[in-house]
């Protein structure tokens, strides 16, 4: 008899990290349930990209949940009155950090995983080439996993503990790009730009664009990003 196929919930933003994370979850043998969020971000191009990525990489289902983090503001990604930085010289936690975003996203992923009977939740957080977000750190992931197993029926009963999978957390952007390429990810359909236009074309100037471009350069691979 073949191995039992397990389900996994994979957070898919539409960017290259989450696309690589989804490809890794598929490689691990999971039936993948992709979850994206319309949370009040500046543009919807990344959600369209998330749909393309989920289909291309064989997700069983792709859901987009609507939540309104823009109601609180506090981030240049949800408040158009705030400027997306383009200088790359900011220090500390940048204004593109969305307060509690990964906490909220993972909580909703946890709810869906309970319904699906999925023991694994994948998120493409990265603690190396990232923008200084506190909810991308290993300490946060470990604390959330602990909380998840205190808060769920399966965790309390000890039948199926939840595991947060962060396969990219210790990789550089170049390593992620090389890995995704090996797994057959088409990065041209992903959108990472903080201020992409309606067609998903990248600005080439924001922090995310600069990190992505530098990653392709360091990986020694052609940049497949579609710039405007």
N, C-alpha and C. Protein backbone atom coordinates (compact mmCIF):
# COMPACT_ATOMS: atom_id res chain seq x y z
N UNK A 1 0.84 -1.20 0.00
CA UNK A 1 0.00 0.00 0.00
C UNK A 1 0.87 1.25 0.00
N UNK A 2 0.40 2.32 -0.68
CA UNK A 2 1.16 3.56 -0.75
C UNK A 2 1.05 4.34 0.54
N UNK A 3 1.89 5.34 0.64
CA UNK A 3 1.87 6.18 1.83
C UNK A 3 0.58 7.00 1.89
N UNK A 4 0.10 7.25 3.09
CA UNK A 4 -1.10 8.06 3.28
C UNK A 4 -0.81 9.51 2.92
N UNK A 5 -1.67 10.09 2.09
CA UNK A 5 -1.52 11.49 1.70
C UNK A 5 -2.13 12.36 2.80
N UNK A 6 -1.36 13.31 3.30
CA UNK A 6 -1.85 14.20 4.34
C UNK A 6 -2.17 15.56 3.75
N UNK A 7 -3.04 16.27 4.43
CA UNK A 7 -3.42 17.61 3.99
C UNK A 7 -2.55 18.67 4.67
N UNK A 8 -2.33 19.76 3.96
CA UNK A 8 -1.61 20.89 4.53
C UNK A 8 -2.26 22.18 4.07
N UNK A 9 -2.32 23.15 4.97
CA UNK A 9 -2.76 24.50 4.61
C UNK A 9 -1.50 25.31 4.32
N UNK A 10 -1.49 25.98 3.17
CA UNK A 10 -0.31 26.76 2.76
C UNK A 10 -0.74 28.21 2.54
N UNK A 11 -0.10 29.12 3.25
CA UNK A 11 -0.39 30.54 3.04
C UNK A 11 0.29 30.98 1.75
N UNK A 12 -0.49 31.50 0.83
CA UNK A 12 0.02 31.89 -0.49
C UNK A 12 -0.30 33.36 -0.72
N UNK A 13 0.73 34.18 -0.75
CA UNK A 13 0.54 35.62 -0.93
C UNK A 13 0.55 36.02 -2.39
N UNK A 14 1.17 35.20 -3.22
CA UNK A 14 1.37 35.55 -4.63
C UNK A 14 2.81 35.91 -4.93
N UNK A 15 3.66 36.00 -3.89
CA UNK A 15 5.06 36.31 -4.08
C UNK A 15 5.92 35.08 -4.29
N UNK A 16 7.21 35.30 -4.49
CA UNK A 16 8.08 34.16 -4.82
C UNK A 16 8.34 33.25 -3.63
N UNK A 17 8.37 33.81 -2.41
CA UNK A 17 8.61 32.97 -1.23
C UNK A 17 7.46 31.98 -1.03
N UNK A 18 6.23 32.47 -1.05
CA UNK A 18 5.10 31.59 -0.81
C UNK A 18 4.92 30.59 -1.94
N UNK A 19 5.28 30.98 -3.17
CA UNK A 19 5.20 30.04 -4.29
C UNK A 19 6.18 28.89 -4.08
N UNK A 20 7.40 29.21 -3.65
CA UNK A 20 8.39 28.17 -3.36
C UNK A 20 7.94 27.31 -2.20
N UNK A 21 7.32 27.91 -1.20
CA UNK A 21 6.82 27.18 -0.04
C UNK A 21 5.73 26.18 -0.47
N UNK A 22 4.84 26.60 -1.35
CA UNK A 22 3.79 25.71 -1.86
C UNK A 22 4.40 24.55 -2.64
N UNK A 23 5.40 24.84 -3.46
CA UNK A 23 6.08 23.79 -4.22
C UNK A 23 6.73 22.78 -3.28
N UNK A 24 7.31 23.25 -2.18
CA UNK A 24 7.93 22.36 -1.20
C UNK A 24 6.89 21.50 -0.49
N UNK A 25 5.74 22.09 -0.16
CA UNK A 25 4.67 21.33 0.48
C UNK A 25 4.16 20.22 -0.44
N UNK A 26 4.04 20.52 -1.72
CA UNK A 26 3.65 19.50 -2.70
C UNK A 26 4.71 18.42 -2.79
N UNK A 27 5.99 18.82 -2.82
CA UNK A 27 7.08 17.85 -2.90
C UNK A 27 7.08 16.92 -1.68
N UNK A 28 6.65 17.44 -0.54
CA UNK A 28 6.59 16.63 0.68
C UNK A 28 5.44 15.64 0.66
N UNK A 29 4.61 15.70 -0.37
CA UNK A 29 3.55 14.72 -0.53
C UNK A 29 2.19 15.12 -0.01
N UNK A 30 2.03 16.41 0.34
CA UNK A 30 0.75 16.87 0.88
C UNK A 30 -0.26 17.19 -0.22
N UNK A 31 -1.52 17.00 0.09
CA UNK A 31 -2.59 17.66 -0.63
C UNK A 31 -2.66 19.08 -0.06
N UNK A 32 -2.46 20.07 -0.91
CA UNK A 32 -2.29 21.44 -0.42
C UNK A 32 -3.54 22.27 -0.60
N UNK A 33 -3.90 22.96 0.45
CA UNK A 33 -5.04 23.87 0.47
C UNK A 33 -4.47 25.28 0.65
N UNK A 34 -4.53 26.05 -0.42
CA UNK A 34 -3.90 27.37 -0.44
C UNK A 34 -4.85 28.41 0.15
N UNK A 35 -4.29 29.30 0.97
CA UNK A 35 -5.09 30.34 1.63
C UNK A 35 -4.44 31.70 1.43
N UNK A 36 -5.22 32.63 0.88
CA UNK A 36 -4.75 34.00 0.67
C UNK A 36 -5.72 34.96 1.34
N UNK A 37 -5.27 36.21 1.49
CA UNK A 37 -6.09 37.19 2.21
C UNK A 37 -6.18 38.50 1.44
N UNK A 38 -7.42 38.97 1.29
CA UNK A 38 -7.66 40.34 0.86
C UNK A 38 -7.83 41.12 2.16
N UNK A 39 -6.74 41.75 2.58
CA UNK A 39 -6.74 42.35 3.93
C UNK A 39 -6.74 43.87 3.90
N UNK A 40 -7.02 44.43 2.72
CA UNK A 40 -7.00 45.88 2.58
C UNK A 40 -5.69 46.40 2.05
N UNK A 41 -4.90 45.50 1.42
CA UNK A 41 -3.62 45.91 0.86
C UNK A 41 -3.81 46.86 -0.32
N UNK A 42 -2.74 47.54 -0.68
CA UNK A 42 -2.78 48.58 -1.70
C UNK A 42 -3.31 48.09 -3.05
N UNK A 43 -2.98 46.87 -3.41
CA UNK A 43 -3.36 46.39 -4.74
C UNK A 43 -3.84 44.95 -4.67
N UNK A 44 -4.62 44.56 -5.67
CA UNK A 44 -5.14 43.20 -5.72
C UNK A 44 -4.32 42.31 -6.66
N UNK A 45 -3.27 42.86 -7.26
CA UNK A 45 -2.48 42.09 -8.21
C UNK A 45 -1.86 40.86 -7.56
N UNK A 46 -1.46 40.97 -6.29
CA UNK A 46 -0.86 39.82 -5.63
C UNK A 46 -1.87 38.71 -5.41
N UNK A 47 -3.15 39.06 -5.25
CA UNK A 47 -4.18 38.03 -5.08
C UNK A 47 -4.42 37.28 -6.39
N UNK A 48 -4.39 38.02 -7.49
CA UNK A 48 -4.50 37.36 -8.79
C UNK A 48 -3.31 36.43 -9.00
N UNK A 49 -2.13 36.89 -8.61
CA UNK A 49 -0.93 36.05 -8.72
C UNK A 49 -1.05 34.82 -7.83
N UNK A 50 -1.60 34.97 -6.64
CA UNK A 50 -1.79 33.83 -5.74
C UNK A 50 -2.67 32.77 -6.37
N UNK A 51 -3.69 33.21 -7.10
CA UNK A 51 -4.55 32.27 -7.80
C UNK A 51 -3.82 31.52 -8.89
N UNK A 52 -2.99 32.26 -9.66
CA UNK A 52 -2.21 31.63 -10.73
C UNK A 52 -1.21 30.64 -10.15
N UNK A 53 -0.54 31.04 -9.06
CA UNK A 53 0.46 30.18 -8.41
C UNK A 53 -0.19 28.91 -7.88
N UNK A 54 -1.34 29.07 -7.22
CA UNK A 54 -2.02 27.92 -6.63
C UNK A 54 -2.45 26.92 -7.70
N UNK A 55 -2.92 27.43 -8.82
CA UNK A 55 -3.33 26.54 -9.91
C UNK A 55 -2.12 25.87 -10.55
N UNK A 56 -1.07 26.66 -10.81
CA UNK A 56 0.10 26.13 -11.49
C UNK A 56 0.81 25.06 -10.66
N UNK A 57 0.76 25.19 -9.33
CA UNK A 57 1.48 24.27 -8.47
C UNK A 57 0.57 23.21 -7.85
N UNK A 58 -0.63 23.08 -8.39
CA UNK A 58 -1.48 21.93 -8.07
C UNK A 58 -2.16 21.94 -6.73
N UNK A 59 -2.51 23.13 -6.20
CA UNK A 59 -3.27 23.16 -4.95
C UNK A 59 -4.64 22.52 -5.17
N UNK A 60 -5.10 21.77 -4.19
CA UNK A 60 -6.42 21.14 -4.27
C UNK A 60 -7.50 22.21 -4.29
N UNK A 61 -7.28 23.26 -3.52
CA UNK A 61 -8.25 24.35 -3.40
C UNK A 61 -7.51 25.63 -3.07
N UNK A 62 -8.04 26.76 -3.54
CA UNK A 62 -7.47 28.06 -3.19
C UNK A 62 -8.60 28.95 -2.69
N UNK A 63 -8.46 29.41 -1.47
CA UNK A 63 -9.46 30.30 -0.89
C UNK A 63 -8.86 31.67 -0.64
N UNK A 64 -9.67 32.70 -0.88
CA UNK A 64 -9.29 34.07 -0.54
C UNK A 64 -10.25 34.55 0.53
N UNK A 65 -9.71 34.89 1.70
CA UNK A 65 -10.54 35.39 2.79
C UNK A 65 -10.45 36.91 2.86
N UNK A 66 -11.57 37.53 3.13
CA UNK A 66 -11.63 38.99 3.24
C UNK A 66 -11.58 39.41 4.71
N UNK A 67 -10.56 40.16 5.05
CA UNK A 67 -10.46 40.76 6.38
C UNK A 67 -9.99 42.21 6.19
N UNK A 68 -10.28 43.06 7.13
CA UNK A 68 -10.01 44.48 6.92
C UNK A 68 -8.97 45.02 7.89
N UNK A 69 -7.71 44.68 7.66
CA UNK A 69 -6.65 45.25 8.49
C UNK A 69 -6.43 46.73 8.17
N UNK A 70 -6.90 47.16 7.00
CA UNK A 70 -6.78 48.58 6.65
C UNK A 70 -7.61 49.46 7.58
N UNK A 71 -8.59 48.88 8.24
CA UNK A 71 -9.41 49.66 9.17
C UNK A 71 -8.58 50.21 10.32
N UNK A 72 -7.48 49.52 10.66
CA UNK A 72 -6.60 49.98 11.72
C UNK A 72 -5.49 50.88 11.19
N UNK A 73 -5.11 50.71 9.92
CA UNK A 73 -4.02 51.50 9.36
C UNK A 73 -2.69 51.08 9.98
N UNK A 74 -1.78 52.07 10.06
CA UNK A 74 -0.51 51.81 10.70
C UNK A 74 0.55 51.20 9.81
N UNK A 75 0.25 51.03 8.53
CA UNK A 75 1.21 50.44 7.60
C UNK A 75 1.06 51.09 6.23
N UNK A 76 2.19 51.26 5.55
CA UNK A 76 2.15 51.81 4.20
C UNK A 76 1.53 50.84 3.21
N UNK A 77 1.36 49.58 3.61
CA UNK A 77 0.72 48.61 2.70
C UNK A 77 -0.80 48.66 2.78
N UNK A 78 -1.34 49.30 3.83
CA UNK A 78 -2.79 49.36 3.97
C UNK A 78 -3.32 50.79 4.03
N UNK A 79 -2.45 51.76 4.14
CA UNK A 79 -2.86 53.15 4.26
C UNK A 79 -2.18 53.96 3.16
N UNK A 80 -2.94 54.37 2.15
CA UNK A 80 -2.37 55.07 1.00
C UNK A 80 -1.87 56.46 1.35
N UNK A 81 -2.16 56.93 2.56
CA UNK A 81 -1.62 58.23 2.98
C UNK A 81 -0.16 58.11 3.37
N UNK A 82 0.30 56.89 3.61
CA UNK A 82 1.69 56.65 3.98
C UNK A 82 2.49 56.26 2.76
N UNK A 83 3.72 56.73 2.69
CA UNK A 83 4.58 56.50 1.54
C UNK A 83 5.32 55.17 1.66
N UNK A 84 5.29 54.37 0.60
CA UNK A 84 6.10 53.16 0.56
C UNK A 84 7.56 53.59 0.37
N UNK A 85 8.46 53.21 1.27
CA UNK A 85 9.85 53.65 1.16
C UNK A 85 10.54 53.04 -0.06
N UNK A 86 11.37 53.87 -0.69
CA UNK A 86 12.10 53.43 -1.88
C UNK A 86 13.60 53.65 -1.74
N UNK A 87 14.04 54.22 -0.62
CA UNK A 87 15.46 54.56 -0.48
C UNK A 87 16.31 53.39 -0.02
N UNK A 88 15.69 52.46 0.73
CA UNK A 88 16.44 51.33 1.26
C UNK A 88 17.35 51.70 2.42
N UNK A 89 17.14 52.86 3.00
CA UNK A 89 18.03 53.32 4.08
C UNK A 89 17.35 53.36 5.44
N UNK A 90 16.10 52.92 5.53
CA UNK A 90 15.38 52.98 6.80
C UNK A 90 15.97 51.99 7.80
N UNK A 91 15.87 52.33 9.08
CA UNK A 91 16.35 51.46 10.15
C UNK A 91 15.17 51.04 11.03
N UNK A 92 15.35 49.96 11.78
CA UNK A 92 14.27 49.49 12.63
C UNK A 92 13.19 48.80 11.82
N UNK A 93 12.05 48.61 12.45
CA UNK A 93 10.92 47.96 11.78
C UNK A 93 10.32 48.93 10.78
N UNK A 94 10.26 48.56 9.50
CA UNK A 94 9.83 49.52 8.46
C UNK A 94 8.33 49.79 8.49
N UNK A 95 7.96 50.86 7.83
CA UNK A 95 6.55 51.28 7.82
C UNK A 95 5.69 50.34 6.97
N UNK A 96 6.32 49.42 6.22
CA UNK A 96 5.56 48.43 5.45
C UNK A 96 5.13 47.24 6.32
N UNK A 97 5.59 47.19 7.57
CA UNK A 97 5.12 46.15 8.49
C UNK A 97 3.64 46.37 8.77
N UNK A 98 2.84 45.31 8.61
CA UNK A 98 1.41 45.38 8.91
C UNK A 98 1.18 44.78 10.29
N UNK A 99 0.76 45.58 11.27
CA UNK A 99 0.63 45.09 12.63
C UNK A 99 -0.20 43.81 12.74
N UNK A 100 0.40 42.80 13.36
CA UNK A 100 -0.25 41.52 13.68
C UNK A 100 -0.67 40.71 12.45
N UNK A 101 -0.17 41.06 11.26
CA UNK A 101 -0.66 40.38 10.05
C UNK A 101 -0.45 38.87 10.10
N UNK A 102 0.78 38.41 10.38
CA UNK A 102 1.00 36.97 10.37
C UNK A 102 0.29 36.27 11.51
N UNK A 103 0.09 36.96 12.63
CA UNK A 103 -0.67 36.39 13.74
C UNK A 103 -2.11 36.13 13.31
N UNK A 104 -2.70 37.10 12.63
CA UNK A 104 -4.08 36.96 12.15
C UNK A 104 -4.15 35.89 11.07
N UNK A 105 -3.22 35.94 10.11
CA UNK A 105 -3.23 34.96 9.01
C UNK A 105 -3.10 33.53 9.54
N UNK A 106 -2.15 33.33 10.44
CA UNK A 106 -1.93 31.98 10.95
C UNK A 106 -3.10 31.50 11.80
N UNK A 107 -3.76 32.41 12.49
CA UNK A 107 -4.93 32.01 13.29
C UNK A 107 -6.05 31.50 12.39
N UNK A 108 -6.28 32.16 11.27
CA UNK A 108 -7.30 31.72 10.34
C UNK A 108 -6.88 30.44 9.62
N UNK A 109 -5.60 30.32 9.31
CA UNK A 109 -5.10 29.08 8.73
C UNK A 109 -5.28 27.92 9.71
N UNK A 110 -5.08 28.21 10.98
CA UNK A 110 -5.26 27.19 12.02
C UNK A 110 -6.71 26.73 12.08
N UNK A 111 -7.64 27.66 11.97
CA UNK A 111 -9.06 27.31 11.98
C UNK A 111 -9.40 26.39 10.80
N UNK A 112 -8.89 26.73 9.61
CA UNK A 112 -9.18 25.91 8.44
C UNK A 112 -8.52 24.53 8.58
N UNK A 113 -7.32 24.51 9.12
CA UNK A 113 -6.61 23.23 9.27
C UNK A 113 -7.39 22.29 10.20
N UNK A 114 -8.02 22.83 11.22
CA UNK A 114 -8.83 21.99 12.11
C UNK A 114 -10.00 21.37 11.36
N UNK A 115 -10.64 22.16 10.54
CA UNK A 115 -11.78 21.66 9.78
C UNK A 115 -11.34 20.60 8.77
N UNK A 116 -10.20 20.83 8.14
CA UNK A 116 -9.68 19.92 7.12
C UNK A 116 -9.03 18.67 7.72
N UNK A 117 -8.69 18.72 8.99
CA UNK A 117 -7.90 17.65 9.57
C UNK A 117 -6.46 17.70 9.12
N UNK A 118 -6.00 18.91 8.80
CA UNK A 118 -4.62 19.11 8.35
C UNK A 118 -3.72 19.33 9.56
N UNK A 119 -2.61 18.63 9.60
CA UNK A 119 -1.69 18.76 10.73
C UNK A 119 -0.55 19.73 10.44
N UNK A 120 -0.43 20.15 9.20
CA UNK A 120 0.69 21.00 8.80
C UNK A 120 0.20 22.31 8.21
N UNK A 121 0.80 23.41 8.66
CA UNK A 121 0.54 24.74 8.10
C UNK A 121 1.87 25.28 7.62
N UNK A 122 1.92 25.63 6.35
CA UNK A 122 3.16 26.15 5.75
C UNK A 122 3.05 27.66 5.58
N UNK A 123 4.12 28.35 5.93
CA UNK A 123 4.20 29.79 5.72
C UNK A 123 5.62 30.14 5.28
N UNK A 124 5.74 30.99 4.29
CA UNK A 124 7.04 31.28 3.69
C UNK A 124 7.80 32.40 4.35
N UNK A 125 7.77 32.48 5.68
CA UNK A 125 8.52 33.54 6.37
C UNK A 125 10.01 33.27 6.24
N UNK A 126 10.77 34.36 6.30
CA UNK A 126 12.20 34.28 6.11
C UNK A 126 12.90 35.22 7.08
N UNK A 127 13.91 34.71 7.78
CA UNK A 127 14.59 35.52 8.79
C UNK A 127 15.97 35.99 8.34
N UNK A 128 16.29 35.79 7.07
CA UNK A 128 17.61 36.19 6.55
C UNK A 128 17.46 37.44 5.68
N UNK A 129 17.00 37.27 4.44
CA UNK A 129 16.78 38.41 3.55
C UNK A 129 15.34 38.88 3.69
N UNK A 130 15.04 39.57 4.77
CA UNK A 130 13.68 40.06 4.99
C UNK A 130 13.76 41.52 5.40
N UNK A 131 12.61 42.13 5.64
CA UNK A 131 12.59 43.57 5.87
C UNK A 131 12.54 43.96 7.33
N UNK A 132 12.84 43.05 8.24
CA UNK A 132 12.86 43.39 9.65
C UNK A 132 11.54 43.21 10.36
N UNK A 133 10.64 42.40 9.80
CA UNK A 133 9.32 42.21 10.41
C UNK A 133 9.43 41.28 11.62
N UNK A 134 8.85 41.65 12.77
CA UNK A 134 8.97 40.81 13.97
C UNK A 134 8.25 39.48 13.85
N UNK A 135 7.21 39.40 12.99
CA UNK A 135 6.45 38.15 12.87
C UNK A 135 7.00 37.23 11.78
N UNK A 136 8.28 37.42 11.43
CA UNK A 136 8.97 36.49 10.53
C UNK A 136 10.10 35.78 11.26
N UNK A 137 10.20 35.97 12.56
CA UNK A 137 11.32 35.42 13.34
C UNK A 137 11.00 34.02 13.85
N UNK A 138 12.03 33.18 13.99
CA UNK A 138 11.81 31.83 14.54
C UNK A 138 11.13 31.83 15.90
N UNK A 139 11.43 32.85 16.74
CA UNK A 139 10.83 32.91 18.07
C UNK A 139 9.30 33.05 17.99
N UNK A 140 8.86 33.84 17.03
CA UNK A 140 7.42 34.02 16.84
C UNK A 140 6.77 32.72 16.38
N UNK A 141 7.40 32.06 15.41
CA UNK A 141 6.85 30.81 14.88
C UNK A 141 6.75 29.75 15.97
N UNK A 142 7.80 29.61 16.78
CA UNK A 142 7.80 28.62 17.86
C UNK A 142 6.70 28.92 18.88
N UNK A 143 6.52 30.19 19.20
CA UNK A 143 5.50 30.58 20.17
C UNK A 143 4.10 30.33 19.62
N UNK A 144 3.91 30.61 18.33
CA UNK A 144 2.58 30.39 17.75
C UNK A 144 2.26 28.90 17.69
N UNK A 145 3.23 28.08 17.35
CA UNK A 145 2.99 26.63 17.29
C UNK A 145 2.61 26.10 18.67
N UNK A 146 3.29 26.59 19.68
CA UNK A 146 2.96 26.19 21.05
C UNK A 146 1.52 26.59 21.39
N UNK A 147 1.16 27.82 21.06
CA UNK A 147 -0.19 28.30 21.32
C UNK A 147 -1.22 27.47 20.55
N UNK A 148 -0.91 27.14 19.28
CA UNK A 148 -1.84 26.40 18.44
C UNK A 148 -2.18 25.05 19.05
N UNK A 149 -1.20 24.43 19.68
CA UNK A 149 -1.45 23.12 20.26
C UNK A 149 -2.10 23.20 21.64
N UNK A 150 -2.18 24.40 22.19
CA UNK A 150 -2.96 24.61 23.40
C UNK A 150 -4.40 24.98 23.07
N UNK A 151 -4.62 25.49 21.87
CA UNK A 151 -5.90 26.09 21.52
C UNK A 151 -6.80 25.20 20.67
N UNK A 152 -6.29 24.05 20.20
CA UNK A 152 -7.07 23.22 19.28
C UNK A 152 -7.46 21.90 19.93
N UNK A 153 -8.55 21.33 19.44
CA UNK A 153 -9.03 20.05 19.96
C UNK A 153 -7.98 18.95 19.77
N UNK A 154 -7.42 18.89 18.56
CA UNK A 154 -6.44 17.85 18.27
C UNK A 154 -5.19 18.01 19.14
N UNK A 155 -4.80 19.25 19.39
CA UNK A 155 -3.63 19.48 20.22
C UNK A 155 -3.86 19.07 21.66
N UNK A 156 -5.03 19.40 22.19
CA UNK A 156 -5.36 19.07 23.58
C UNK A 156 -5.53 17.57 23.76
N UNK A 157 -6.19 16.92 22.78
CA UNK A 157 -6.42 15.48 22.87
C UNK A 157 -5.17 14.69 22.52
N UNK A 158 -4.19 15.37 21.91
CA UNK A 158 -2.94 14.71 21.58
C UNK A 158 -3.02 13.77 20.40
N UNK A 159 -4.08 13.90 19.60
CA UNK A 159 -4.25 12.99 18.47
C UNK A 159 -3.49 13.43 17.23
N UNK A 160 -3.40 14.72 17.02
CA UNK A 160 -2.76 15.22 15.80
C UNK A 160 -2.22 16.62 16.04
N UNK A 161 -1.07 16.74 16.69
CA UNK A 161 -0.52 18.08 16.95
C UNK A 161 -0.26 18.85 15.67
N UNK A 162 -0.44 20.16 15.75
CA UNK A 162 -0.23 21.04 14.61
C UNK A 162 1.25 21.39 14.49
N UNK A 163 1.75 21.37 13.27
CA UNK A 163 3.13 21.76 13.01
C UNK A 163 3.14 22.96 12.06
N UNK A 164 3.84 24.01 12.46
CA UNK A 164 4.07 25.14 11.57
C UNK A 164 5.35 24.88 10.79
N UNK A 165 5.22 24.80 9.49
CA UNK A 165 6.36 24.50 8.63
C UNK A 165 6.88 25.79 8.01
N UNK A 166 8.15 26.06 8.23
CA UNK A 166 8.77 27.29 7.71
C UNK A 166 10.06 26.90 6.97
N UNK A 167 9.94 26.23 5.83
CA UNK A 167 11.12 25.68 5.16
C UNK A 167 12.09 26.71 4.61
N UNK A 168 11.66 27.98 4.55
CA UNK A 168 12.52 29.02 3.97
C UNK A 168 13.17 29.90 5.02
N UNK A 169 12.91 29.64 6.27
CA UNK A 169 13.23 30.63 7.31
C UNK A 169 14.72 30.93 7.41
N UNK A 170 15.58 29.96 7.10
CA UNK A 170 17.03 30.16 7.22
C UNK A 170 17.72 30.34 5.87
N UNK A 171 16.96 30.53 4.81
CA UNK A 171 17.54 30.64 3.47
C UNK A 171 17.65 32.10 3.03
N UNK A 172 18.67 32.39 2.25
CA UNK A 172 18.78 33.71 1.63
C UNK A 172 17.80 33.78 0.46
N UNK A 173 17.57 34.99 -0.02
CA UNK A 173 16.68 35.15 -1.16
C UNK A 173 17.22 34.40 -2.37
N UNK A 174 18.52 34.44 -2.57
CA UNK A 174 19.13 33.72 -3.70
C UNK A 174 18.90 32.22 -3.56
N UNK A 175 19.04 31.68 -2.35
CA UNK A 175 18.82 30.25 -2.14
C UNK A 175 17.36 29.87 -2.39
N UNK A 176 16.45 30.75 -1.99
CA UNK A 176 15.02 30.49 -2.23
C UNK A 176 14.74 30.46 -3.73
N UNK A 177 15.32 31.39 -4.45
CA UNK A 177 15.11 31.46 -5.90
C UNK A 177 15.69 30.23 -6.60
N UNK A 178 16.88 29.82 -6.18
CA UNK A 178 17.47 28.61 -6.77
C UNK A 178 16.62 27.38 -6.47
N UNK A 179 16.15 27.28 -5.23
CA UNK A 179 15.33 26.15 -4.82
C UNK A 179 14.01 26.13 -5.61
N UNK A 180 13.35 27.27 -5.70
CA UNK A 180 12.11 27.34 -6.45
C UNK A 180 12.30 26.97 -7.91
N UNK A 181 13.41 27.43 -8.48
CA UNK A 181 13.71 27.11 -9.88
C UNK A 181 13.86 25.60 -10.05
N UNK A 182 14.56 24.96 -9.12
CA UNK A 182 14.73 23.50 -9.17
C UNK A 182 13.40 22.77 -9.07
N UNK A 183 12.45 23.36 -8.35
CA UNK A 183 11.13 22.75 -8.16
C UNK A 183 10.15 23.11 -9.28
N UNK A 184 10.62 23.88 -10.25
CA UNK A 184 9.78 24.22 -11.39
C UNK A 184 8.84 25.39 -11.19
N UNK A 185 9.12 26.24 -10.21
CA UNK A 185 8.27 27.42 -9.98
C UNK A 185 8.51 28.44 -11.09
N UNK A 186 7.43 28.94 -11.66
CA UNK A 186 7.51 29.99 -12.67
C UNK A 186 7.40 31.33 -11.95
N UNK A 187 8.54 31.94 -11.68
CA UNK A 187 8.52 33.19 -10.91
C UNK A 187 7.93 34.36 -11.68
N UNK A 188 7.77 34.22 -12.99
CA UNK A 188 7.20 35.32 -13.77
C UNK A 188 5.73 35.56 -13.44
N UNK A 189 5.06 34.56 -12.84
CA UNK A 189 3.65 34.74 -12.49
C UNK A 189 3.48 35.22 -11.05
N UNK A 190 4.59 35.40 -10.34
CA UNK A 190 4.50 35.87 -8.95
C UNK A 190 4.62 37.40 -8.90
N UNK A 191 4.07 37.98 -7.86
CA UNK A 191 4.12 39.43 -7.65
C UNK A 191 4.61 39.69 -6.23
N UNK A 192 5.74 40.40 -6.10
CA UNK A 192 6.30 40.72 -4.79
C UNK A 192 6.24 42.21 -4.47
N UNK A 193 6.06 43.04 -5.48
CA UNK A 193 6.15 44.49 -5.34
C UNK A 193 5.10 45.04 -4.38
N UNK A 194 5.52 45.97 -3.52
CA UNK A 194 4.60 46.61 -2.59
C UNK A 194 3.62 47.55 -3.28
N UNK A 195 3.95 47.99 -4.48
CA UNK A 195 3.09 48.94 -5.17
C UNK A 195 2.96 48.57 -6.65
N UNK A 196 2.70 47.27 -6.90
CA UNK A 196 2.49 46.81 -8.27
C UNK A 196 1.25 47.46 -8.86
N UNK A 197 1.24 47.60 -10.20
CA UNK A 197 0.06 48.18 -10.84
C UNK A 197 -1.01 47.10 -11.03
N UNK A 198 -2.11 47.47 -11.66
CA UNK A 198 -3.25 46.56 -11.80
C UNK A 198 -2.90 45.30 -12.59
N UNK A 199 -1.88 45.38 -13.42
CA UNK A 199 -1.46 44.23 -14.21
C UNK A 199 -0.36 43.42 -13.54
N UNK A 200 -0.01 43.80 -12.31
CA UNK A 200 1.02 43.08 -11.57
C UNK A 200 2.43 43.48 -11.94
N UNK A 201 2.59 44.58 -12.66
CA UNK A 201 3.93 45.02 -13.03
C UNK A 201 4.59 45.73 -11.86
N UNK A 202 5.84 45.39 -11.61
CA UNK A 202 6.56 45.86 -10.42
C UNK A 202 7.16 47.24 -10.63
N UNK A 203 7.29 47.99 -9.52
CA UNK A 203 7.85 49.34 -9.59
C UNK A 203 9.36 49.31 -9.76
N UNK A 204 10.01 48.28 -9.19
CA UNK A 204 11.46 48.18 -9.28
C UNK A 204 12.20 49.04 -8.28
N UNK A 205 11.49 49.74 -7.38
CA UNK A 205 12.14 50.69 -6.48
C UNK A 205 11.92 50.39 -4.99
N UNK A 206 10.82 49.73 -4.65
CA UNK A 206 10.51 49.50 -3.23
C UNK A 206 11.45 48.45 -2.64
N UNK A 207 11.42 48.31 -1.32
CA UNK A 207 12.29 47.35 -0.63
C UNK A 207 12.12 45.94 -1.17
N UNK A 208 10.87 45.54 -1.38
CA UNK A 208 10.60 44.18 -1.84
C UNK A 208 11.18 43.95 -3.23
N UNK A 209 11.04 44.93 -4.12
CA UNK A 209 11.60 44.81 -5.47
C UNK A 209 13.13 44.71 -5.43
N UNK A 210 13.74 45.52 -4.55
CA UNK A 210 15.20 45.52 -4.49
C UNK A 210 15.73 44.20 -3.92
N UNK A 211 15.06 43.65 -2.90
CA UNK A 211 15.46 42.36 -2.35
C UNK A 211 15.30 41.26 -3.39
N UNK A 212 14.23 41.32 -4.13
CA UNK A 212 13.95 40.29 -5.15
C UNK A 212 14.99 40.36 -6.27
N UNK A 213 15.25 41.57 -6.77
CA UNK A 213 16.22 41.72 -7.86
C UNK A 213 17.62 41.28 -7.43
N UNK A 214 18.01 41.66 -6.20
CA UNK A 214 19.31 41.25 -5.68
C UNK A 214 19.39 39.74 -5.53
N UNK A 215 18.26 39.11 -5.20
CA UNK A 215 18.22 37.66 -5.06
C UNK A 215 18.50 36.96 -6.37
N UNK A 216 17.88 37.44 -7.45
CA UNK A 216 18.13 36.86 -8.76
C UNK A 216 19.59 37.06 -9.18
N UNK A 217 20.12 38.24 -8.90
CA UNK A 217 21.52 38.52 -9.25
C UNK A 217 22.46 37.58 -8.49
N UNK A 218 22.21 37.42 -7.17
CA UNK A 218 23.07 36.55 -6.37
C UNK A 218 22.93 35.09 -6.76
N UNK A 219 21.74 34.72 -7.21
CA UNK A 219 21.51 33.33 -7.63
C UNK A 219 22.12 33.05 -9.00
N UNK A 220 22.51 34.11 -9.72
CA UNK A 220 23.06 33.93 -11.06
C UNK A 220 22.02 33.50 -12.07
N UNK A 221 20.76 33.92 -11.83
CA UNK A 221 19.66 33.55 -12.71
C UNK A 221 19.00 34.81 -13.28
N UNK A 222 18.44 34.72 -14.48
CA UNK A 222 17.78 35.89 -15.06
C UNK A 222 16.56 36.30 -14.24
N UNK A 223 16.37 37.58 -14.08
CA UNK A 223 15.25 38.11 -13.32
C UNK A 223 13.99 38.05 -14.19
N UNK A 224 13.05 37.20 -13.79
CA UNK A 224 11.83 37.02 -14.58
C UNK A 224 10.72 37.99 -14.15
N UNK A 225 11.03 38.91 -13.24
CA UNK A 225 10.05 39.88 -12.78
C UNK A 225 9.57 40.76 -13.93
N UNK A 226 8.28 41.03 -13.96
CA UNK A 226 7.71 41.91 -14.97
C UNK A 226 7.64 43.33 -14.40
N UNK A 227 8.53 44.20 -14.92
CA UNK A 227 8.58 45.58 -14.44
C UNK A 227 7.79 46.49 -15.37
N UNK A 228 7.31 47.58 -14.78
CA UNK A 228 6.62 48.56 -15.61
C UNK A 228 7.59 49.66 -16.03
